[in-house]
Amino acid sequence: MRCVGRLLTGLWLLSVVLIAQAPPDGLQPVATMKQLMVDVIHPASNSLLLAVNRGGPGDEKGWAEARRSALTLAESGNLLIMRNRSAAWVADARLLIDVGAIAYRAAAARDARALAALADRIDTSCTTCHTQFRPNVFPAARQ
């Protein structure tokens, strides 16, 4: 009887994990995680951080790029959540959503100072997730 109880508990836990990681009904991911990171998220974060390091966008074309990049980061967090709904993953993806949304508002207001103030938060949103889920990218400090 104990074995059956353990088996049922194990199956229940497995189903909870699978449900938590399944995309919401009707949504079907197209890109792989690598494609999202390499072709969408990294270029958007890099574009924003380059603009900040260069003193902010200098013209309307630059501000439009900043808005696109910020919006891309914010919506990318939603794409990441679509792939995995575990609590830690969602918390890390929400960091990206939050900073992307704030960066979008700063870019829409053409506020270079506000955009520059977000540089560390943009970087933190990436490194927080990578530290936890990509330890080969950010290995633990040697003691």
N, C-alpha and C. Protein backbone atom coordinates (compact mmCIF):
# COMPACT_ATOMS: atom_id res chain seq x y z
N MET A 1 0.81 -1.18 0.00
CA MET A 1 0.00 0.00 0.00
C MET A 1 0.86 1.26 0.00
N ARG A 2 1.97 1.22 0.77
CA ARG A 2 2.85 2.38 0.82
C ARG A 2 3.41 2.72 -0.56
N CYS A 3 3.78 1.69 -1.31
CA CYS A 3 4.33 1.92 -2.65
C CYS A 3 3.32 2.59 -3.56
N VAL A 4 2.06 2.16 -3.47
CA VAL A 4 1.01 2.76 -4.29
C VAL A 4 0.82 4.22 -3.90
N GLY A 5 0.83 4.49 -2.60
CA GLY A 5 0.68 5.87 -2.12
C GLY A 5 1.82 6.75 -2.60
N ARG A 6 3.05 6.23 -2.53
CA ARG A 6 4.21 6.99 -3.00
C ARG A 6 4.13 7.21 -4.51
N LEU A 7 3.71 6.19 -5.22
CA LEU A 7 3.58 6.30 -6.67
C LEU A 7 2.55 7.36 -7.03
N LEU A 8 1.41 7.34 -6.36
CA LEU A 8 0.38 8.34 -6.65
C LEU A 8 0.87 9.74 -6.29
N THR A 9 1.56 9.88 -5.19
CA THR A 9 2.12 11.18 -4.81
C THR A 9 3.12 11.65 -5.85
N GLY A 10 3.98 10.73 -6.30
CA GLY A 10 4.97 11.07 -7.32
C GLY A 10 4.31 11.48 -8.63
N LEU A 11 3.29 10.76 -9.04
CA LEU A 11 2.58 11.11 -10.27
C LEU A 11 1.88 12.46 -10.14
N TRP A 12 1.31 12.72 -8.98
CA TRP A 12 0.66 14.01 -8.75
C TRP A 12 1.68 15.14 -8.85
N LEU A 13 2.85 14.98 -8.21
CA LEU A 13 3.89 16.01 -8.27
C LEU A 13 4.38 16.21 -9.69
N LEU A 14 4.55 15.14 -10.43
CA LEU A 14 4.98 15.24 -11.83
C LEU A 14 3.94 16.00 -12.64
N SER A 15 2.67 15.72 -12.42
CA SER A 15 1.62 16.42 -13.18
C SER A 15 1.62 17.91 -12.84
N VAL A 16 1.86 18.26 -11.58
CA VAL A 16 1.91 19.67 -11.19
C VAL A 16 3.06 20.37 -11.92
N VAL A 17 4.22 19.72 -11.98
CA VAL A 17 5.37 20.30 -12.67
C VAL A 17 5.08 20.46 -14.15
N LEU A 18 4.52 19.46 -14.78
CA LEU A 18 4.22 19.54 -16.21
C LEU A 18 3.20 20.62 -16.51
N ILE A 19 2.18 20.73 -15.68
CA ILE A 19 1.17 21.77 -15.88
C ILE A 19 1.80 23.14 -15.72
N ALA A 20 2.67 23.31 -14.74
CA ALA A 20 3.32 24.60 -14.49
C ALA A 20 4.21 25.01 -15.65
N GLN A 21 4.72 24.04 -16.39
CA GLN A 21 5.63 24.37 -17.47
C GLN A 21 4.96 24.35 -18.84
N ALA A 22 3.71 23.99 -18.92
CA ALA A 22 3.01 23.95 -20.19
C ALA A 22 2.57 25.35 -20.61
N PRO A 23 2.65 25.64 -21.92
CA PRO A 23 2.16 26.95 -22.36
C PRO A 23 0.66 27.06 -22.15
N PRO A 24 0.16 28.28 -21.93
CA PRO A 24 -1.28 28.46 -21.77
C PRO A 24 -2.04 27.94 -23.00
N ASP A 25 -3.27 27.56 -22.78
CA ASP A 25 -4.09 27.03 -23.87
C ASP A 25 -4.08 27.94 -25.08
N GLY A 26 -3.93 27.33 -26.24
CA GLY A 26 -4.01 28.07 -27.49
C GLY A 26 -2.71 28.75 -27.91
N LEU A 27 -1.73 28.82 -27.03
CA LEU A 27 -0.46 29.46 -27.37
C LEU A 27 0.56 28.39 -27.74
N GLN A 28 1.26 28.63 -28.81
CA GLN A 28 2.24 27.66 -29.27
C GLN A 28 3.56 28.38 -29.53
N PRO A 29 4.57 28.14 -28.70
CA PRO A 29 5.86 28.78 -28.93
C PRO A 29 6.41 28.41 -30.31
N VAL A 30 7.01 29.38 -30.96
CA VAL A 30 7.61 29.16 -32.27
C VAL A 30 9.13 29.13 -32.14
N ALA A 31 9.68 30.11 -31.44
CA ALA A 31 11.13 30.21 -31.28
C ALA A 31 11.61 29.31 -30.15
N THR A 32 12.84 28.85 -30.29
CA THR A 32 13.47 28.13 -29.19
C THR A 32 13.93 29.15 -28.15
N MET A 33 14.29 28.67 -26.98
CA MET A 33 14.80 29.57 -25.95
C MET A 33 16.07 30.27 -26.44
N LYS A 34 16.93 29.53 -27.11
CA LYS A 34 18.16 30.12 -27.63
C LYS A 34 17.85 31.22 -28.65
N GLN A 35 16.89 30.98 -29.53
CA GLN A 35 16.51 32.00 -30.50
C GLN A 35 15.97 33.24 -29.82
N LEU A 36 15.15 33.06 -28.80
CA LEU A 36 14.64 34.22 -28.06
C LEU A 36 15.78 35.02 -27.44
N MET A 37 16.70 34.32 -26.82
CA MET A 37 17.81 35.02 -26.16
C MET A 37 18.74 35.70 -27.17
N VAL A 38 19.17 34.95 -28.17
CA VAL A 38 20.17 35.45 -29.12
C VAL A 38 19.59 36.45 -30.11
N ASP A 39 18.39 36.20 -30.59
CA ASP A 39 17.84 37.02 -31.67
C ASP A 39 16.86 38.11 -31.22
N VAL A 40 16.39 38.03 -29.98
CA VAL A 40 15.40 39.01 -29.53
C VAL A 40 15.86 39.75 -28.28
N ILE A 41 16.06 39.02 -27.20
CA ILE A 41 16.32 39.66 -25.90
C ILE A 41 17.69 40.31 -25.83
N HIS A 42 18.73 39.57 -26.21
CA HIS A 42 20.08 40.16 -26.14
C HIS A 42 20.23 41.39 -27.02
N PRO A 43 19.78 41.37 -28.28
CA PRO A 43 19.91 42.60 -29.08
C PRO A 43 19.14 43.79 -28.49
N ALA A 44 17.98 43.53 -27.90
CA ALA A 44 17.19 44.62 -27.32
C ALA A 44 17.89 45.21 -26.10
N SER A 45 18.38 44.35 -25.22
CA SER A 45 19.07 44.87 -24.02
C SER A 45 20.37 45.55 -24.42
N ASN A 46 21.08 44.97 -25.37
CA ASN A 46 22.33 45.56 -25.83
C ASN A 46 22.09 46.93 -26.45
N SER A 47 21.04 47.06 -27.23
CA SER A 47 20.71 48.34 -27.86
C SER A 47 20.43 49.42 -26.81
N LEU A 48 19.65 49.07 -25.80
CA LEU A 48 19.35 50.05 -24.74
C LEU A 48 20.61 50.43 -23.97
N LEU A 49 21.41 49.44 -23.61
CA LEU A 49 22.61 49.74 -22.84
C LEU A 49 23.63 50.53 -23.65
N LEU A 50 23.72 50.27 -24.95
CA LEU A 50 24.60 51.07 -25.80
C LEU A 50 24.12 52.51 -25.88
N ALA A 51 22.83 52.70 -26.02
CA ALA A 51 22.28 54.06 -26.07
C ALA A 51 22.60 54.81 -24.78
N VAL A 52 22.43 54.13 -23.65
CA VAL A 52 22.74 54.75 -22.36
C VAL A 52 24.22 55.11 -22.27
N ASN A 53 25.08 54.17 -22.65
CA ASN A 53 26.53 54.40 -22.56
C ASN A 53 27.02 55.48 -23.52
N ARG A 54 26.24 55.76 -24.53
CA ARG A 54 26.60 56.83 -25.48
C ARG A 54 25.95 58.16 -25.11
N GLY A 55 25.36 58.23 -23.93
CA GLY A 55 24.75 59.48 -23.48
C GLY A 55 23.28 59.61 -23.81
N GLY A 56 22.68 58.55 -24.29
CA GLY A 56 21.26 58.57 -24.63
C GLY A 56 21.05 58.71 -26.12
N PRO A 57 19.87 58.35 -26.59
CA PRO A 57 19.57 58.52 -28.02
C PRO A 57 19.67 59.99 -28.42
N GLY A 58 20.20 60.24 -29.60
CA GLY A 58 20.43 61.62 -30.01
C GLY A 58 19.37 62.21 -30.91
N ASP A 59 18.55 61.37 -31.52
CA ASP A 59 17.55 61.87 -32.46
C ASP A 59 16.31 60.99 -32.40
N GLU A 60 15.31 61.34 -33.20
CA GLU A 60 14.05 60.59 -33.18
C GLU A 60 14.27 59.12 -33.54
N LYS A 61 15.16 58.85 -34.48
CA LYS A 61 15.45 57.46 -34.86
C LYS A 61 16.01 56.70 -33.66
N GLY A 62 16.89 57.32 -32.90
CA GLY A 62 17.45 56.69 -31.71
C GLY A 62 16.42 56.46 -30.63
N TRP A 63 15.52 57.44 -30.43
CA TRP A 63 14.46 57.27 -29.44
C TRP A 63 13.48 56.19 -29.87
N ALA A 64 13.20 56.10 -31.15
CA ALA A 64 12.31 55.04 -31.65
C ALA A 64 12.94 53.67 -31.40
N GLU A 65 14.24 53.56 -31.63
CA GLU A 65 14.95 52.31 -31.36
C GLU A 65 14.91 51.98 -29.87
N ALA A 66 15.07 52.98 -29.03
CA ALA A 66 15.02 52.76 -27.58
C ALA A 66 13.62 52.28 -27.16
N ARG A 67 12.58 52.88 -27.74
CA ARG A 67 11.21 52.45 -27.42
C ARG A 67 11.00 51.00 -27.86
N ARG A 68 11.42 50.68 -29.08
CA ARG A 68 11.27 49.30 -29.58
C ARG A 68 12.02 48.31 -28.71
N SER A 69 13.24 48.65 -28.35
CA SER A 69 14.05 47.74 -27.53
C SER A 69 13.44 47.54 -26.15
N ALA A 70 12.96 48.62 -25.54
CA ALA A 70 12.35 48.52 -24.22
C ALA A 70 11.08 47.69 -24.27
N LEU A 71 10.25 47.93 -25.28
CA LEU A 71 9.02 47.17 -25.42
C LEU A 71 9.32 45.69 -25.70
N THR A 72 10.36 45.45 -26.47
CA THR A 72 10.79 44.08 -26.75
C THR A 72 11.18 43.37 -25.46
N LEU A 73 11.92 44.05 -24.60
CA LEU A 73 12.30 43.43 -23.32
C LEU A 73 11.07 43.13 -22.48
N ALA A 74 10.18 44.09 -22.38
CA ALA A 74 8.98 43.89 -21.56
C ALA A 74 8.15 42.72 -22.06
N GLU A 75 7.91 42.67 -23.34
CA GLU A 75 7.09 41.58 -23.88
C GLU A 75 7.83 40.25 -23.92
N SER A 76 9.15 40.30 -23.97
CA SER A 76 9.93 39.06 -23.93
C SER A 76 9.75 38.34 -22.60
N GLY A 77 9.60 39.10 -21.54
CA GLY A 77 9.32 38.47 -20.25
C GLY A 77 8.06 37.64 -20.30
N ASN A 78 7.04 38.14 -21.00
CA ASN A 78 5.81 37.36 -21.17
C ASN A 78 6.06 36.09 -21.99
N LEU A 79 6.89 36.20 -23.01
CA LEU A 79 7.23 35.02 -23.81
C LEU A 79 7.97 33.98 -22.96
N LEU A 80 8.84 34.45 -22.08
CA LEU A 80 9.56 33.53 -21.21
C LEU A 80 8.60 32.82 -20.26
N ILE A 81 7.65 33.56 -19.72
CA ILE A 81 6.67 32.95 -18.81
C ILE A 81 5.83 31.92 -19.55
N MET A 82 5.56 32.16 -20.82
CA MET A 82 4.78 31.21 -21.60
C MET A 82 5.46 29.84 -21.65
N ARG A 83 6.77 29.80 -21.52
CA ARG A 83 7.52 28.56 -21.62
C ARG A 83 7.69 27.83 -20.30
N ASN A 84 7.59 28.55 -19.20
CA ASN A 84 7.82 27.93 -17.90
C ASN A 84 7.13 28.79 -16.85
N ARG A 85 6.25 28.18 -16.10
CA ARG A 85 5.50 28.96 -15.11
C ARG A 85 5.89 28.60 -13.68
N SER A 86 7.10 28.06 -13.50
CA SER A 86 7.55 27.81 -12.13
C SER A 86 7.76 29.15 -11.44
N ALA A 87 7.62 29.17 -10.14
CA ALA A 87 7.65 30.43 -9.39
C ALA A 87 8.95 31.21 -9.60
N ALA A 88 10.08 30.54 -9.54
CA ALA A 88 11.37 31.24 -9.68
C ALA A 88 11.53 31.80 -11.09
N TRP A 89 11.12 31.03 -12.08
CA TRP A 89 11.23 31.47 -13.48
C TRP A 89 10.35 32.70 -13.71
N VAL A 90 9.12 32.65 -13.22
CA VAL A 90 8.19 33.76 -13.40
C VAL A 90 8.71 35.01 -12.69
N ALA A 91 9.24 34.84 -11.49
CA ALA A 91 9.78 35.99 -10.76
C ALA A 91 10.90 36.65 -11.55
N ASP A 92 11.78 35.85 -12.12
CA ASP A 92 12.89 36.41 -12.91
C ASP A 92 12.39 37.06 -14.19
N ALA A 93 11.42 36.45 -14.85
CA ALA A 93 10.86 37.03 -16.07
C ALA A 93 10.15 38.35 -15.77
N ARG A 94 9.53 38.45 -14.62
CA ARG A 94 8.85 39.69 -14.25
C ARG A 94 9.83 40.85 -14.04
N LEU A 95 11.05 40.54 -13.63
CA LEU A 95 12.08 41.59 -13.56
C LEU A 95 12.29 42.22 -14.93
N LEU A 96 12.32 41.37 -15.96
CA LEU A 96 12.50 41.85 -17.32
C LEU A 96 11.28 42.65 -17.79
N ILE A 97 10.10 42.16 -17.47
CA ILE A 97 8.86 42.87 -17.83
C ILE A 97 8.85 44.25 -17.19
N ASP A 98 9.14 44.28 -15.89
CA ASP A 98 9.08 45.55 -15.15
C ASP A 98 10.08 46.57 -15.68
N VAL A 99 11.33 46.17 -15.83
CA VAL A 99 12.34 47.14 -16.28
C VAL A 99 12.10 47.54 -17.73
N GLY A 100 11.61 46.62 -18.55
CA GLY A 100 11.29 46.97 -19.93
C GLY A 100 10.17 47.98 -20.02
N ALA A 101 9.15 47.81 -19.19
CA ALA A 101 8.02 48.75 -19.18
C ALA A 101 8.46 50.13 -18.71
N ILE A 102 9.28 50.17 -17.68
CA ILE A 102 9.78 51.46 -17.17
C ILE A 102 10.69 52.12 -18.21
N ALA A 103 11.53 51.32 -18.85
CA ALA A 103 12.42 51.86 -19.89
C ALA A 103 11.59 52.39 -21.07
N TYR A 104 10.51 51.70 -21.40
CA TYR A 104 9.65 52.18 -22.48
C TYR A 104 9.08 53.56 -22.15
N ARG A 105 8.59 53.71 -20.92
CA ARG A 105 8.04 55.01 -20.52
C ARG A 105 9.12 56.10 -20.57
N ALA A 106 10.33 55.76 -20.15
CA ALA A 106 11.43 56.74 -20.20
C ALA A 106 11.75 57.11 -21.64
N ALA A 107 11.79 56.12 -22.52
CA ALA A 107 12.09 56.39 -23.93
C ALA A 107 10.95 57.17 -24.59
N ALA A 108 9.72 56.84 -24.24
CA ALA A 108 8.58 57.57 -24.81
C ALA A 108 8.60 59.03 -24.38
N ALA A 109 9.09 59.28 -23.18
CA ALA A 109 9.20 60.66 -22.68
C ALA A 109 10.50 61.33 -23.12
N ARG A 110 11.32 60.59 -23.85
CA ARG A 110 12.64 61.08 -24.31
C ARG A 110 13.47 61.58 -23.11
N ASP A 111 13.44 60.78 -22.05
CA ASP A 111 14.13 61.12 -20.81
C ASP A 111 15.41 60.30 -20.70
N ALA A 112 16.50 60.87 -21.19
CA ALA A 112 17.78 60.17 -21.20
C ALA A 112 18.27 59.87 -19.79
N ARG A 113 18.02 60.77 -18.87
CA ARG A 113 18.46 60.56 -17.49
C ARG A 113 17.72 59.37 -16.86
N ALA A 114 16.42 59.29 -17.06
CA ALA A 114 15.64 58.17 -16.52
C ALA A 114 16.07 56.85 -17.16
N LEU A 115 16.34 56.89 -18.45
CA LEU A 115 16.80 55.69 -19.15
C LEU A 115 18.15 55.24 -18.61
N ALA A 116 19.05 56.18 -18.41
CA ALA A 116 20.37 55.87 -17.87
C ALA A 116 20.27 55.27 -16.47
N ALA A 117 19.32 55.74 -15.69
CA ALA A 117 19.15 55.23 -14.33
C ALA A 117 18.71 53.77 -14.31
N LEU A 118 18.25 53.27 -15.44
CA LEU A 118 17.77 51.88 -15.51
C LEU A 118 18.83 50.90 -15.96
N ALA A 119 20.00 51.36 -16.33
CA ALA A 119 21.04 50.47 -16.88
C ALA A 119 21.34 49.31 -15.94
N ASP A 120 21.52 49.58 -14.67
CA ASP A 120 21.82 48.50 -13.72
C ASP A 120 20.66 47.54 -13.57
N ARG A 121 19.43 48.06 -13.60
CA ARG A 121 18.26 47.18 -13.48
C ARG A 121 18.12 46.29 -14.71
N ILE A 122 18.45 46.82 -15.88
CA ILE A 122 18.40 45.99 -17.10
C ILE A 122 19.40 44.86 -16.96
N ASP A 123 20.62 45.20 -16.58
CA ASP A 123 21.66 44.20 -16.41
C ASP A 123 21.28 43.18 -15.33
N THR A 124 20.74 43.66 -14.23
CA THR A 124 20.35 42.78 -13.13
C THR A 124 19.25 41.82 -13.54
N SER A 125 18.30 42.30 -14.36
CA SER A 125 17.22 41.41 -14.78
C SER A 125 17.76 40.23 -15.58
N CYS A 126 18.82 40.46 -16.32
CA CYS A 126 19.43 39.37 -17.10
C CYS A 126 20.28 38.47 -16.20
N THR A 127 21.16 39.07 -15.43
CA THR A 127 22.09 38.26 -14.64
C THR A 127 21.38 37.48 -13.52
N THR A 128 20.30 38.02 -12.97
CA THR A 128 19.56 37.29 -11.95
C THR A 128 19.05 35.97 -12.50
N CYS A 129 18.46 36.01 -13.66
CA CYS A 129 17.92 34.80 -14.28
C CYS A 129 19.06 33.86 -14.71
N HIS A 130 20.07 34.42 -15.36
CA HIS A 130 21.16 33.57 -15.84
C HIS A 130 21.93 32.92 -14.70
N THR A 131 22.07 33.62 -13.59
CA THR A 131 22.76 33.04 -12.44
C THR A 131 22.03 31.80 -11.95
N GLN A 132 20.72 31.87 -11.95
CA GLN A 132 19.93 30.74 -11.46
C GLN A 132 19.74 29.65 -12.51
N PHE A 133 19.46 30.04 -13.75
CA PHE A 133 19.08 29.06 -14.76
C PHE A 133 20.16 28.76 -15.79
N ARG A 134 21.22 29.53 -15.81
CA ARG A 134 22.34 29.28 -16.74
C ARG A 134 23.66 29.34 -15.96
N PRO A 135 23.86 28.44 -15.02
CA PRO A 135 25.06 28.51 -14.19
C PRO A 135 26.36 28.39 -14.99
N ASN A 136 26.28 27.83 -16.19
CA ASN A 136 27.49 27.76 -17.02
C ASN A 136 27.86 29.15 -17.56
N VAL A 137 26.91 30.06 -17.62
CA VAL A 137 27.18 31.43 -18.06
C VAL A 137 27.72 32.25 -16.90
N PHE A 138 27.14 32.07 -15.72
CA PHE A 138 27.57 32.77 -14.52
C PHE A 138 27.88 31.76 -13.42
N PRO A 139 29.04 31.11 -13.51
CA PRO A 139 29.36 30.10 -12.48
C PRO A 139 29.48 30.75 -11.10
N ALA A 140 29.18 29.95 -10.10
CA ALA A 140 29.28 30.45 -8.72
C ALA A 140 30.72 30.85 -8.42
N ALA A 141 30.87 31.88 -7.62
CA ALA A 141 32.22 32.35 -7.26
C ALA A 141 32.94 31.26 -6.48
N ARG A 142 34.20 31.08 -6.83
CA ARG A 142 34.99 30.08 -6.11
C ARG A 142 35.35 30.59 -4.73
N GLN A 143 35.32 29.69 -3.79
CA GLN A 143 35.58 30.10 -2.42
C GLN A 143 36.99 29.80 -2.01
